[in-house]
Amino acid sequence: MEGAALSSHFADFRLVAMQGDLTVNLSTNPPRVDMLNKVPPVTLAFWIIKIMSTTVGETGADYLAVHVGIGTAITTAVMVVLLIGALLMQLRTRRCVPWIYWSAVVLVSIVGTQITDALTDGLGVSLYVSTVAFAAALAVTFVLWYSVERTLSIQAITTTRRELFYWAAILLTFSLGTAAGDLATEAFGLGFTVGTLIFATLIAVSALAYALGANTVLTFWVAYILTRPLGASFGDLVAQAHEYGGLGLGTVYTSLAFLTVIIALVAMTTFSNDERSPLTGDRA
């Protein structure tokens, strides 16, 4: 009887390890799975929502700070409070709830953008310096995450500790993407159209690398980082006036249009989890 129980325990442990993409260490207790995975399936809808949430973060923050006139400091403070509330809701759930998750992503996008803008515009920090600093901070976060959890897979966000690592990485990807995007489009003078094309091409290269068998986790995070400057460049291309190289739609209409698409896609993904696409995250 004891032998059968031990065999069953080992079988359950191996199943949990495979499903969570965890490294098995037989000298320790099995890793505890506190909840269902807290990140949505990485489908085509996932990438569209991610890019558009970036655009909404860019245009929405600009609208509040400049057009409404409340200033960068108050905008940042309000968004930080809202982000804390959204993350507390996200952390309290035991499974992925799409509208809560994507609300947090939109707010992280805004706060990440505001952090970089505060460093650049408020403190005069060079975009070269902030890009390198955020890249280093993100690398340290990944190293700590992997050293503790032995995986960077977003399909294994099944404990609160992993989720905290995940959201720390997400915030840094937005700040890094903002700095790198501004460096490319402003400091290097690429402009919104060329910047959009370059970042879209780099994401396509990442997708091709994934299709050819490159490391899934690496290609996912590279693409995730690049969606930030892509969304920002595309948002500016659509919203900015003609004299600045944009299409002149304005921040209000751009934000509303993209937010409408986000809401529609989030509603769709709430009722359907069957999509699959390139760079799909079942292995990420």
C-alpha atoms as a PDB file:
ATOM      1  CA  MET A   1       0.000   0.000   0.000  1.00  0.00           C
ATOM      2  CA  GLU A   2       2.784   2.441   0.892  1.00  0.00           C
ATOM      3  CA  GLY A   3       4.614   1.613  -2.348  1.00  0.00           C
ATOM      4  CA  ALA A   4       1.467   2.298  -4.387  1.00  0.00           C
ATOM      5  CA  ALA A   5       0.901   5.625  -2.607  1.00  0.00           C
ATOM      6  CA  LEU A   6       4.507   6.663  -3.199  1.00  0.00           C
ATOM      7  CA  SER A   7       4.242   5.726  -6.884  1.00  0.00           C
ATOM      8  CA  SER A   8       1.018   7.734  -7.225  1.00  0.00           C
ATOM      9  CA  HIS A   9       2.628  10.729  -5.515  1.00  0.00           C
ATOM     10  CA  PHE A  10       5.558  10.615  -7.897  1.00  0.00           C
ATOM     11  CA  ALA A  11       3.226  10.417 -10.907  1.00  0.00           C
ATOM     12  CA  ASP A  12       1.271  13.464  -9.711  1.00  0.00           C
ATOM     13  CA  PHE A  13       4.510  15.339  -9.129  1.00  0.00           C
ATOM     14  CA  ARG A  14       5.776  14.611 -12.645  1.00  0.00           C
ATOM     15  CA  LEU A  15       2.460  15.734 -14.136  1.00  0.00           C
ATOM     16  CA  VAL A  16       2.549  19.056 -12.265  1.00  0.00           C
ATOM     17  CA  ALA A  17       6.159  19.563 -13.321  1.00  0.00           C
ATOM     18  CA  MET A  18       5.405  18.984 -17.005  1.00  0.00           C
ATOM     19  CA  GLN A  19       2.329  21.186 -17.034  1.00  0.00           C
ATOM     20  CA  GLY A  20       4.117  24.061 -15.318  1.00  0.00           C
ATOM     21  CA  ASP A  21       7.335  23.689 -17.346  1.00  0.00           C
ATOM     22  CA  LEU A  22       9.211  23.433 -14.052  1.00  0.00           C
ATOM     23  CA  THR A  23      12.649  22.046 -13.374  1.00  0.00           C
ATOM     24  CA  VAL A  24      12.220  18.989 -11.137  1.00  0.00           C
ATOM     25  CA  ASN A  25      14.456  18.806  -8.092  1.00  0.00           C
ATOM     26  CA  LEU A  26      13.923  15.493  -6.299  1.00  0.00           C
ATOM     27  CA  SER A  27      15.738  16.745  -3.206  1.00  0.00           C
ATOM     28  CA  THR A  28      12.945  19.228  -2.425  1.00  0.00           C
ATOM     29  CA  ASN A  29       9.234  19.099  -1.976  1.00  0.00           C
ATOM     30  CA  PRO A  30       7.078  19.383  -5.101  1.00  0.00           C
ATOM     31  CA  PRO A  31       6.495  23.030  -6.122  1.00  0.00           C
ATOM     32  CA  ARG A  32       3.191  24.299  -4.858  1.00  0.00           C
ATOM     33  CA  VAL A  33       0.640  25.352  -7.437  1.00  0.00           C
ATOM     34  CA  ASP A  34      -1.502  28.006  -5.779  1.00  0.00           C
ATOM     35  CA  MET A  35      -3.760  28.909  -8.710  1.00  0.00           C
ATOM     36  CA  LEU A  36      -4.526  28.455 -12.364  1.00  0.00           C
ATOM     37  CA  ASN A  37      -2.222  30.247 -14.796  1.00  0.00           C
ATOM     38  CA  LYS A  38      -2.788  34.002 -14.447  1.00  0.00           C
ATOM     39  CA  VAL A  39      -1.768  35.061 -17.973  1.00  0.00           C
ATOM     40  CA  PRO A  40      -4.110  34.778 -20.997  1.00  0.00           C
ATOM     41  CA  PRO A  41      -3.226  32.385 -23.820  1.00  0.00           C
ATOM     42  CA  VAL A  42      -0.787  34.089 -26.177  1.00  0.00           C
ATOM     43  CA  THR A  43      -2.890  34.260 -29.320  1.00  0.00           C
ATOM     44  CA  LEU A  44      -3.235  36.730 -32.159  1.00  0.00           C
ATOM     45  CA  ALA A  45      -5.780  38.619 -30.048  1.00  0.00           C
ATOM     46  CA  PHE A  46      -3.211  38.785 -27.225  1.00  0.00           C
ATOM     47  CA  TRP A  47      -0.693  40.590 -29.453  1.00  0.00           C
ATOM     48  CA  ILE A  48      -3.270  42.969 -30.919  1.00  0.00           C
ATOM     49  CA  ILE A  49      -4.542  43.925 -27.455  1.00  0.00           C
ATOM     50  CA  LYS A  50      -0.958  44.330 -26.208  1.00  0.00           C
ATOM     51  CA  ILE A  51       0.001  46.701 -29.040  1.00  0.00           C
ATOM     52  CA  MET A  52      -3.215  48.703 -28.751  1.00  0.00           C
ATOM     53  CA  SER A  53      -2.973  48.932 -24.960  1.00  0.00           C
ATOM     54  CA  THR A  54       0.465  50.450 -25.501  1.00  0.00           C
ATOM     55  CA  THR A  55      -1.023  52.993 -27.890  1.00  0.00           C
ATOM     56  CA  VAL A  56      -3.817  53.830 -25.454  1.00  0.00           C
ATOM     57  CA  GLY A  57      -1.216  54.251 -22.717  1.00  0.00           C
ATOM     58  CA  GLU A  58       0.788  56.637 -24.894  1.00  0.00           C
ATOM     59  CA  THR A  59      -2.103  58.746 -26.198  1.00  0.00           C
ATOM     60  CA  GLY A  60      -4.151  58.582 -22.997  1.00  0.00           C
ATOM     61  CA  ALA A  61      -1.295  59.835 -20.831  1.00  0.00           C
ATOM     62  CA  ASP A  62      -0.565  62.648 -23.296  1.00  0.00           C
ATOM     63  CA  TYR A  63      -4.227  63.655 -23.354  1.00  0.00           C
ATOM     64  CA  LEU A  64      -4.526  63.862 -19.572  1.00  0.00           C
ATOM     65  CA  ALA A  65      -1.212  65.603 -19.026  1.00  0.00           C
ATOM     66  CA  VAL A  66      -1.349  68.081 -21.927  1.00  0.00           C
ATOM     67  CA  HIS A  67      -4.887  68.556 -23.232  1.00  0.00           C
ATOM     68  CA  VAL A  68      -6.763  68.222 -19.951  1.00  0.00           C
ATOM     69  CA  GLY A  69      -3.937  70.214 -18.407  1.00  0.00           C
ATOM     70  CA  ILE A  70      -3.484  68.348 -15.131  1.00  0.00           C
ATOM     71  CA  GLY A  71       0.235  67.951 -15.753  1.00  0.00           C
ATOM     72  CA  THR A  72       2.584  64.976 -15.758  1.00  0.00           C
ATOM     73  CA  ALA A  73       2.947  64.748 -11.964  1.00  0.00           C
ATOM     74  CA  ILE A  74      -0.790  64.547 -11.219  1.00  0.00           C
ATOM     75  CA  THR A  75      -1.383  62.220 -14.176  1.00  0.00           C
ATOM     76  CA  THR A  76       1.318  59.893 -12.898  1.00  0.00           C
ATOM     77  CA  ALA A  77      -0.014  59.958  -9.325  1.00  0.00           C
ATOM     78  CA  VAL A  78      -3.573  59.165 -10.437  1.00  0.00           C
ATOM     79  CA  MET A  79      -2.407  56.363 -12.716  1.00  0.00           C
ATOM     80  CA  VAL A  80      -0.193  54.846  -9.999  1.00  0.00           C
ATOM     81  CA  VAL A  81      -3.167  54.703  -7.607  1.00  0.00           C
ATOM     82  CA  LEU A  82      -5.341  53.088 -10.279  1.00  0.00           C
ATOM     83  CA  LEU A  83      -2.548  50.646 -11.147  1.00  0.00           C
ATOM     84  CA  ILE A  84      -2.143  49.589  -7.520  1.00  0.00           C
ATOM     85  CA  GLY A  85      -5.880  48.944  -7.340  1.00  0.00           C
ATOM     86  CA  ALA A  86      -5.854  46.932 -10.575  1.00  0.00           C
ATOM     87  CA  LEU A  87      -2.851  44.858  -9.473  1.00  0.00           C
ATOM     88  CA  LEU A  88      -4.449  44.109  -6.115  1.00  0.00           C
ATOM     89  CA  MET A  89      -7.534  42.846  -7.938  1.00  0.00           C
ATOM     90  CA  GLN A  90      -5.324  40.801 -10.273  1.00  0.00           C
ATOM     91  CA  LEU A  91      -3.349  39.278  -7.408  1.00  0.00           C
ATOM     92  CA  ARG A  92      -6.514  38.359  -5.512  1.00  0.00           C
ATOM     93  CA  THR A  93      -7.955  36.289  -8.350  1.00  0.00           C
ATOM     94  CA  ARG A  94      -7.095  32.580  -8.525  1.00  0.00           C
ATOM     95  CA  ARG A  95      -7.288  32.394 -12.317  1.00  0.00           C
ATOM     96  CA  CYS A  96      -6.935  34.698 -15.299  1.00  0.00           C
ATOM     97  CA  VAL A  97      -9.834  37.144 -15.604  1.00  0.00           C
ATOM     98  CA  PRO A  98      -9.265  38.896 -18.963  1.00  0.00           C
ATOM     99  CA  TRP A  99     -10.784  42.285 -18.141  1.00  0.00           C
ATOM    100  CA  ILE A 100      -8.830  42.566 -14.885  1.00  0.00           C
ATOM    101  CA  TYR A 101      -5.588  41.414 -16.505  1.00  0.00           C
ATOM    102  CA  TRP A 102      -5.835  43.803 -19.468  1.00  0.00           C
ATOM    103  CA  SER A 103      -6.919  46.713 -17.267  1.00  0.00           C
ATOM    104  CA  ALA A 104      -3.696  46.191 -15.333  1.00  0.00           C
ATOM    105  CA  VAL A 105      -1.694  46.034 -18.577  1.00  0.00           C
ATOM    106  CA  VAL A 106      -3.156  49.319 -19.857  1.00  0.00           C
ATOM    107  CA  LEU A 107      -2.366  51.016 -16.543  1.00  0.00           C
ATOM    108  CA  VAL A 108       1.144  49.527 -16.454  1.00  0.00           C
ATOM    109  CA  SER A 109       1.611  50.922 -19.948  1.00  0.00           C
ATOM    110  CA  ILE A 110       0.661  54.414 -18.785  1.00  0.00           C
ATOM    111  CA  VAL A 111       2.782  54.287 -15.623  1.00  0.00           C
ATOM    112  CA  GLY A 112       5.776  52.806 -17.450  1.00  0.00           C
ATOM    113  CA  THR A 113       5.528  55.589 -20.015  1.00  0.00           C
ATOM    114  CA  GLN A 114       5.249  58.231 -17.299  1.00  0.00           C
ATOM    115  CA  ILE A 115       8.319  56.910 -15.471  1.00  0.00           C
ATOM    116  CA  THR A 116      10.453  57.243 -18.596  1.00  0.00           C
ATOM    117  CA  ASP A 117       8.987  60.649 -19.463  1.00  0.00           C
ATOM    118  CA  ALA A 118       9.623  61.877 -15.920  1.00  0.00           C
ATOM    119  CA  LEU A 119      13.268  60.822 -16.153  1.00  0.00           C
ATOM    120  CA  THR A 120      13.723  62.338 -19.614  1.00  0.00           C
ATOM    121  CA  ASP A 121      11.640  65.512 -19.440  1.00  0.00           C
ATOM    122  CA  GLY A 122      11.637  66.180 -15.708  1.00  0.00           C
ATOM    123  CA  LEU A 123      15.140  65.167 -14.656  1.00  0.00           C
ATOM    124  CA  GLY A 124      16.933  65.544 -17.970  1.00  0.00           C
ATOM    125  CA  VAL A 125      18.184  61.953 -18.055  1.00  0.00           C
ATOM    126  CA  SER A 126      19.512  61.021 -21.480  1.00  0.00           C
ATOM    127  CA  LEU A 127      17.498  58.467 -23.463  1.00  0.00           C
ATOM    128  CA  TYR A 128      20.740  56.555 -23.981  1.00  0.00           C
ATOM    129  CA  VAL A 129      21.201  56.303 -20.217  1.00  0.00           C
ATOM    130  CA  SER A 130      17.578  55.398 -19.442  1.00  0.00           C
ATOM    131  CA  THR A 131      17.501  52.759 -22.198  1.00  0.00           C
ATOM    132  CA  VAL A 132      20.627  51.080 -20.825  1.00  0.00           C
ATOM    133  CA  ALA A 133      19.419  51.407 -17.220  1.00  0.00           C
ATOM    134  CA  PHE A 134      16.002  49.862 -17.916  1.00  0.00           C
ATOM    135  CA  ALA A 135      17.586  47.087 -19.983  1.00  0.00           C
ATOM    136  CA  ALA A 136      19.940  46.296 -17.088  1.00  0.00           C
ATOM    137  CA  ALA A 137      17.072  46.378 -14.555  1.00  0.00           C
ATOM    138  CA  LEU A 138      15.012  44.030 -16.734  1.00  0.00           C
ATOM    139  CA  ALA A 139      17.973  41.658 -17.107  1.00  0.00           C
ATOM    140  CA  VAL A 140      18.441  41.600 -13.321  1.00  0.00           C
ATOM    141  CA  THR A 141      14.722  40.891 -12.854  1.00  0.00           C
ATOM    142  CA  PHE A 142      14.902  37.964 -15.275  1.00  0.00           C
ATOM    143  CA  VAL A 143      18.015  36.591 -13.563  1.00  0.00           C
ATOM    144  CA  LEU A 144      16.381  36.785 -10.120  1.00  0.00           C
ATOM    145  CA  TRP A 145      13.130  35.321 -11.439  1.00  0.00           C
ATOM    146  CA  TYR A 146      14.903  32.382 -13.052  1.00  0.00           C
ATOM    147  CA  SER A 147      17.254  31.781 -10.122  1.00  0.00           C
ATOM    148  CA  VAL A 148      14.275  31.487  -7.774  1.00  0.00           C
ATOM    149  CA  GLU A 149      11.695  29.790  -9.999  1.00  0.00           C
ATOM    150  CA  ARG A 150      13.867  28.012 -12.618  1.00  0.00           C
ATOM    151  CA  THR A 151      11.569  29.182 -15.420  1.00  0.00           C
ATOM    152  CA  LEU A 152      10.557  32.401 -17.167  1.00  0.00           C
ATOM    153  CA  SER A 153       7.565  30.795 -18.830  1.00  0.00           C
ATOM    154  CA  ILE A 154       4.406  32.891 -18.768  1.00  0.00           C
ATOM    155  CA  GLN A 155       2.414  29.671 -18.904  1.00  0.00           C
ATOM    156  CA  ALA A 156       3.612  28.850 -15.393  1.00  0.00           C
ATOM    157  CA  ILE A 157       2.367  31.925 -13.509  1.00  0.00           C
ATOM    158  CA  THR A 158       0.709  29.764 -10.890  1.00  0.00           C
ATOM    159  CA  THR A 159       1.972  31.276  -7.632  1.00  0.00           C
ATOM    160  CA  THR A 160       1.859  34.781  -6.200  1.00  0.00           C
ATOM    161  CA  ARG A 161       5.655  35.016  -6.149  1.00  0.00           C
ATOM    162  CA  ARG A 162       5.883  34.228  -9.850  1.00  0.00           C
ATOM    163  CA  GLU A 163       3.149  36.720 -10.596  1.00  0.00           C
ATOM    164  CA  LEU A 164       5.035  39.460  -8.738  1.00  0.00           C
ATOM    165  CA  PHE A 165       8.141  38.707 -10.808  1.00  0.00           C
ATOM    166  CA  TYR A 166       5.962  38.779 -13.931  1.00  0.00           C
ATOM    167  CA  TRP A 167       4.437  42.200 -13.251  1.00  0.00           C
ATOM    168  CA  ALA A 168       7.809  43.669 -12.285  1.00  0.00           C
ATOM    169  CA  ALA A 169       9.141  42.478 -15.649  1.00  0.00           C
ATOM    170  CA  ILE A 170       6.084  43.852 -17.474  1.00  0.00           C
ATOM    171  CA  LEU A 171       6.539  47.314 -15.930  1.00  0.00           C
ATOM    172  CA  LEU A 172      10.201  47.357 -16.930  1.00  0.00           C
ATOM    173  CA  THR A 173       9.433  46.207 -20.489  1.00  0.00           C
ATOM    174  CA  PHE A 174       7.104  49.200 -20.884  1.00  0.00           C
ATOM    175  CA  SER A 175       9.674  51.634 -19.477  1.00  0.00           C
ATOM    176  CA  LEU A 176      12.429  50.113 -21.612  1.00  0.00           C
ATOM    177  CA  GLY A 177      10.221  50.098 -24.692  1.00  0.00           C
ATOM    178  CA  THR A 178       9.331  53.760 -24.136  1.00  0.00           C
ATOM    179  CA  ALA A 179      12.975  54.795 -23.786  1.00  0.00           C
ATOM    180  CA  ALA A 180      14.150  52.705 -26.740  1.00  0.00           C
ATOM    181  CA  GLY A 181      11.233  53.869 -28.890  1.00  0.00           C
ATOM    182  CA  ASP A 182      11.817  57.535 -28.098  1.00  0.00           C
ATOM    183  CA  LEU A 183      15.524  57.071 -28.731  1.00  0.00           C
ATOM    184  CA  ALA A 184      14.833  55.602 -32.162  1.00  0.00           C
ATOM    185  CA  THR A 185      12.097  57.976 -33.319  1.00  0.00           C
ATOM    186  CA  GLU A 186      13.308  61.211 -31.700  1.00  0.00           C
ATOM    187  CA  ALA A 187      17.037  61.077 -30.944  1.00  0.00           C
ATOM    188  CA  PHE A 188      17.822  59.155 -34.136  1.00  0.00           C
ATOM    189  CA  GLY A 189      15.244  61.142 -36.095  1.00  0.00           C
ATOM    190  CA  LEU A 190      13.519  58.134 -37.662  1.00  0.00           C
ATOM    191  CA  GLY A 191      10.029  59.591 -37.415  1.00  0.00           C
ATOM    192  CA  PHE A 192       6.757  57.834 -36.663  1.00  0.00           C
ATOM    193  CA  THR A 193       6.320  56.027 -39.984  1.00  0.00           C
ATOM    194  CA  VAL A 194       9.839  54.651 -40.221  1.00  0.00           C
ATOM    195  CA  GLY A 195       9.834  53.796 -36.515  1.00  0.00           C
ATOM    196  CA  THR A 196       6.586  51.853 -36.901  1.00  0.00           C
ATOM    197  CA  LEU A 197       7.985  49.914 -39.860  1.00  0.00           C
ATOM    198  CA  ILE A 198      11.270  49.139 -38.124  1.00  0.00           C
ATOM    199  CA  PHE A 199       9.690  47.836 -34.916  1.00  0.00           C
ATOM    200  CA  ALA A 200       7.094  45.830 -36.862  1.00  0.00           C
ATOM    201  CA  THR A 201       9.910  44.272 -38.877  1.00  0.00           C
ATOM    202  CA  LEU A 202      11.852  43.374 -35.731  1.00  0.00           C
ATOM    203  CA  ILE A 203       8.767  41.661 -34.289  1.00  0.00           C
ATOM    204  CA  ALA A 204       8.346  39.772 -37.569  1.00  0.00           C
ATOM    205  CA  VAL A 205      11.985  38.640 -37.297  1.00  0.00           C
ATOM    206  CA  SER A 206      11.291  37.435 -33.755  1.00  0.00           C
ATOM    207  CA  ALA A 207       8.243  35.517 -35.013  1.00  0.00           C
ATOM    208  CA  LEU A 208      10.322  33.965 -37.788  1.00  0.00           C
ATOM    209  CA  ALA A 209      13.007  32.962 -35.292  1.00  0.00           C
ATOM    210  CA  TYR A 210      10.318  31.312 -33.181  1.00  0.00           C
ATOM    211  CA  ALA A 211       8.982  29.449 -36.227  1.00  0.00           C
ATOM    212  CA  LEU A 212      12.484  28.217 -37.039  1.00  0.00           C
ATOM    213  CA  GLY A 213      12.915  26.756 -33.572  1.00  0.00           C
ATOM    214  CA  ALA A 214      14.514  29.539 -31.536  1.00  0.00           C
ATOM    215  CA  ASN A 215      13.999  29.566 -27.780  1.00  0.00           C
ATOM    216  CA  THR A 216      10.319  30.194 -27.141  1.00  0.00           C
ATOM    217  CA  VAL A 217      10.682  32.168 -23.923  1.00  0.00           C
ATOM    218  CA  LEU A 218      13.369  34.403 -25.425  1.00  0.00           C
ATOM    219  CA  THR A 219      11.409  35.154 -28.617  1.00  0.00           C
ATOM    220  CA  PHE A 220       8.299  35.903 -26.582  1.00  0.00           C
ATOM    221  CA  TRP A 221      10.001  38.454 -24.342  1.00  0.00           C
ATOM    222  CA  VAL A 222      11.858  40.090 -27.238  1.00  0.00           C
ATOM    223  CA  ALA A 223       8.561  40.498 -29.103  1.00  0.00           C
ATOM    224  CA  TYR A 224       6.835  41.705 -25.938  1.00  0.00           C
ATOM    225  CA  ILE A 225       9.416  44.440 -25.399  1.00  0.00           C
ATOM    226  CA  LEU A 226       9.232  45.518 -29.046  1.00  0.00           C
ATOM    227  CA  THR A 227       5.438  45.887 -28.974  1.00  0.00           C
ATOM    228  CA  ARG A 228       5.885  48.890 -26.684  1.00  0.00           C
ATOM    229  CA  PRO A 229       7.800  51.111 -29.134  1.00  0.00           C
ATOM    230  CA  LEU A 230       5.704  49.725 -31.998  1.00  0.00           C
ATOM    231  CA  GLY A 231       2.457  50.709 -30.277  1.00  0.00           C
ATOM    232  CA  ALA A 232       3.839  54.108 -29.279  1.00  0.00           C
ATOM    233  CA  SER A 233       5.154  54.863 -32.780  1.00  0.00           C
ATOM    234  CA  PHE A 234       1.918  53.710 -34.379  1.00  0.00           C
ATOM    235  CA  GLY A 235      -0.151  55.701 -31.890  1.00  0.00           C
ATOM    236  CA  ASP A 236       1.849  58.843 -32.599  1.00  0.00           C
ATOM    237  CA  LEU A 237       1.609  58.197 -36.342  1.00  0.00           C
ATOM    238  CA  VAL A 238      -2.185  58.079 -36.118  1.00  0.00           C
ATOM    239  CA  ALA A 239      -2.706  60.821 -33.512  1.00  0.00           C
ATOM    240  CA  GLN A 240      -0.113  63.493 -34.222  1.00  0.00           C
ATOM    241  CA  ALA A 241      -0.811  66.450 -36.504  1.00  0.00           C
ATOM    242  CA  HIS A 242       0.272  66.436 -40.136  1.00  0.00           C
ATOM    243  CA  GLU A 243       3.059  68.957 -39.542  1.00  0.00           C
ATOM    244  CA  TYR A 244       4.677  66.512 -37.112  1.00  0.00           C
ATOM    245  CA  GLY A 245       4.462  63.597 -39.526  1.00  0.00           C
ATOM    246  CA  GLY A 246       1.223  62.083 -38.219  1.00  0.00           C
ATOM    247  CA  LEU A 247      -2.210  61.433 -39.691  1.00  0.00           C
ATOM    248  CA  GLY A 248      -3.886  64.049 -37.497  1.00  0.00           C
ATOM    249  CA  LEU A 249      -6.606  61.907 -35.924  1.00  0.00           C
ATOM    250  CA  GLY A 250      -5.873  63.352 -32.486  1.00  0.00           C
ATOM    251  CA  THR A 251      -5.272  61.703 -29.121  1.00  0.00           C
ATOM    252  CA  VAL A 252      -8.954  61.622 -28.127  1.00  0.00           C
ATOM    253  CA  TYR A 253     -10.242  59.802 -31.188  1.00  0.00           C
ATOM    254  CA  THR A 254      -7.179  57.539 -31.346  1.00  0.00           C
ATOM    255  CA  SER A 255      -7.577  56.528 -27.708  1.00  0.00           C
ATOM    256  CA  LEU A 256     -11.321  55.931 -28.074  1.00  0.00           C
ATOM    257  CA  ALA A 257     -10.932  53.915 -31.281  1.00  0.00           C
ATOM    258  CA  PHE A 258      -8.201  51.692 -29.890  1.00  0.00           C
ATOM    259  CA  LEU A 259      -9.946  51.310 -26.527  1.00  0.00           C
ATOM    260  CA  THR A 260     -13.086  50.154 -28.355  1.00  0.00           C
ATOM    261  CA  VAL A 261     -11.089  47.479 -30.172  1.00  0.00           C
ATOM    262  CA  ILE A 262      -9.460  46.389 -26.908  1.00  0.00           C
ATOM    263  CA  ILE A 263     -12.841  46.036 -25.173  1.00  0.00           C
ATOM    264  CA  ALA A 264     -14.227  44.022 -28.085  1.00  0.00           C
ATOM    265  CA  LEU A 265     -11.242  41.673 -28.158  1.00  0.00           C
ATOM    266  CA  VAL A 266     -11.212  41.229 -24.380  1.00  0.00           C
ATOM    267  CA  ALA A 267     -14.915  40.340 -24.498  1.00  0.00           C
ATOM    268  CA  MET A 268     -14.218  37.881 -27.300  1.00  0.00           C
ATOM    269  CA  THR A 269     -11.324  36.208 -25.495  1.00  0.00           C
ATOM    270  CA  THR A 270     -13.407  35.940 -22.346  1.00  0.00           C
ATOM    271  CA  PHE A 271     -15.731  33.546 -24.140  1.00  0.00           C
ATOM    272  CA  SER A 272     -13.245  31.875 -26.469  1.00  0.00           C
ATOM    273  CA  ASN A 273      -9.829  30.402 -25.707  1.00  0.00           C
ATOM    274  CA  ASP A 274      -9.383  28.427 -28.896  1.00  0.00           C
ATOM    275  CA  GLU A 275      -7.204  30.827 -30.935  1.00  0.00           C
ATOM    276  CA  ARG A 276      -3.649  29.911 -31.809  1.00  0.00           C
ATOM    277  CA  SER A 277      -1.070  32.057 -33.613  1.00  0.00           C
ATOM    278  CA  PRO A 278       2.643  32.545 -34.289  1.00  0.00           C
ATOM    279  CA  LEU A 279       4.597  33.133 -31.091  1.00  0.00           C
ATOM    280  CA  THR A 280       1.812  31.346 -29.259  1.00  0.00           C
ATOM    281  CA  GLY A 281       2.497  31.174 -25.568  1.00  0.00           C
ATOM    282  CA  ASP A 282       1.541  27.613 -24.772  1.00  0.00           C
ATOM    283  CA  ARG A 283       5.278  26.971 -24.803  1.00  0.00           C
ATOM    284  CA  ALA A 284       6.396  30.444 -23.736  1.00  0.00           C
END
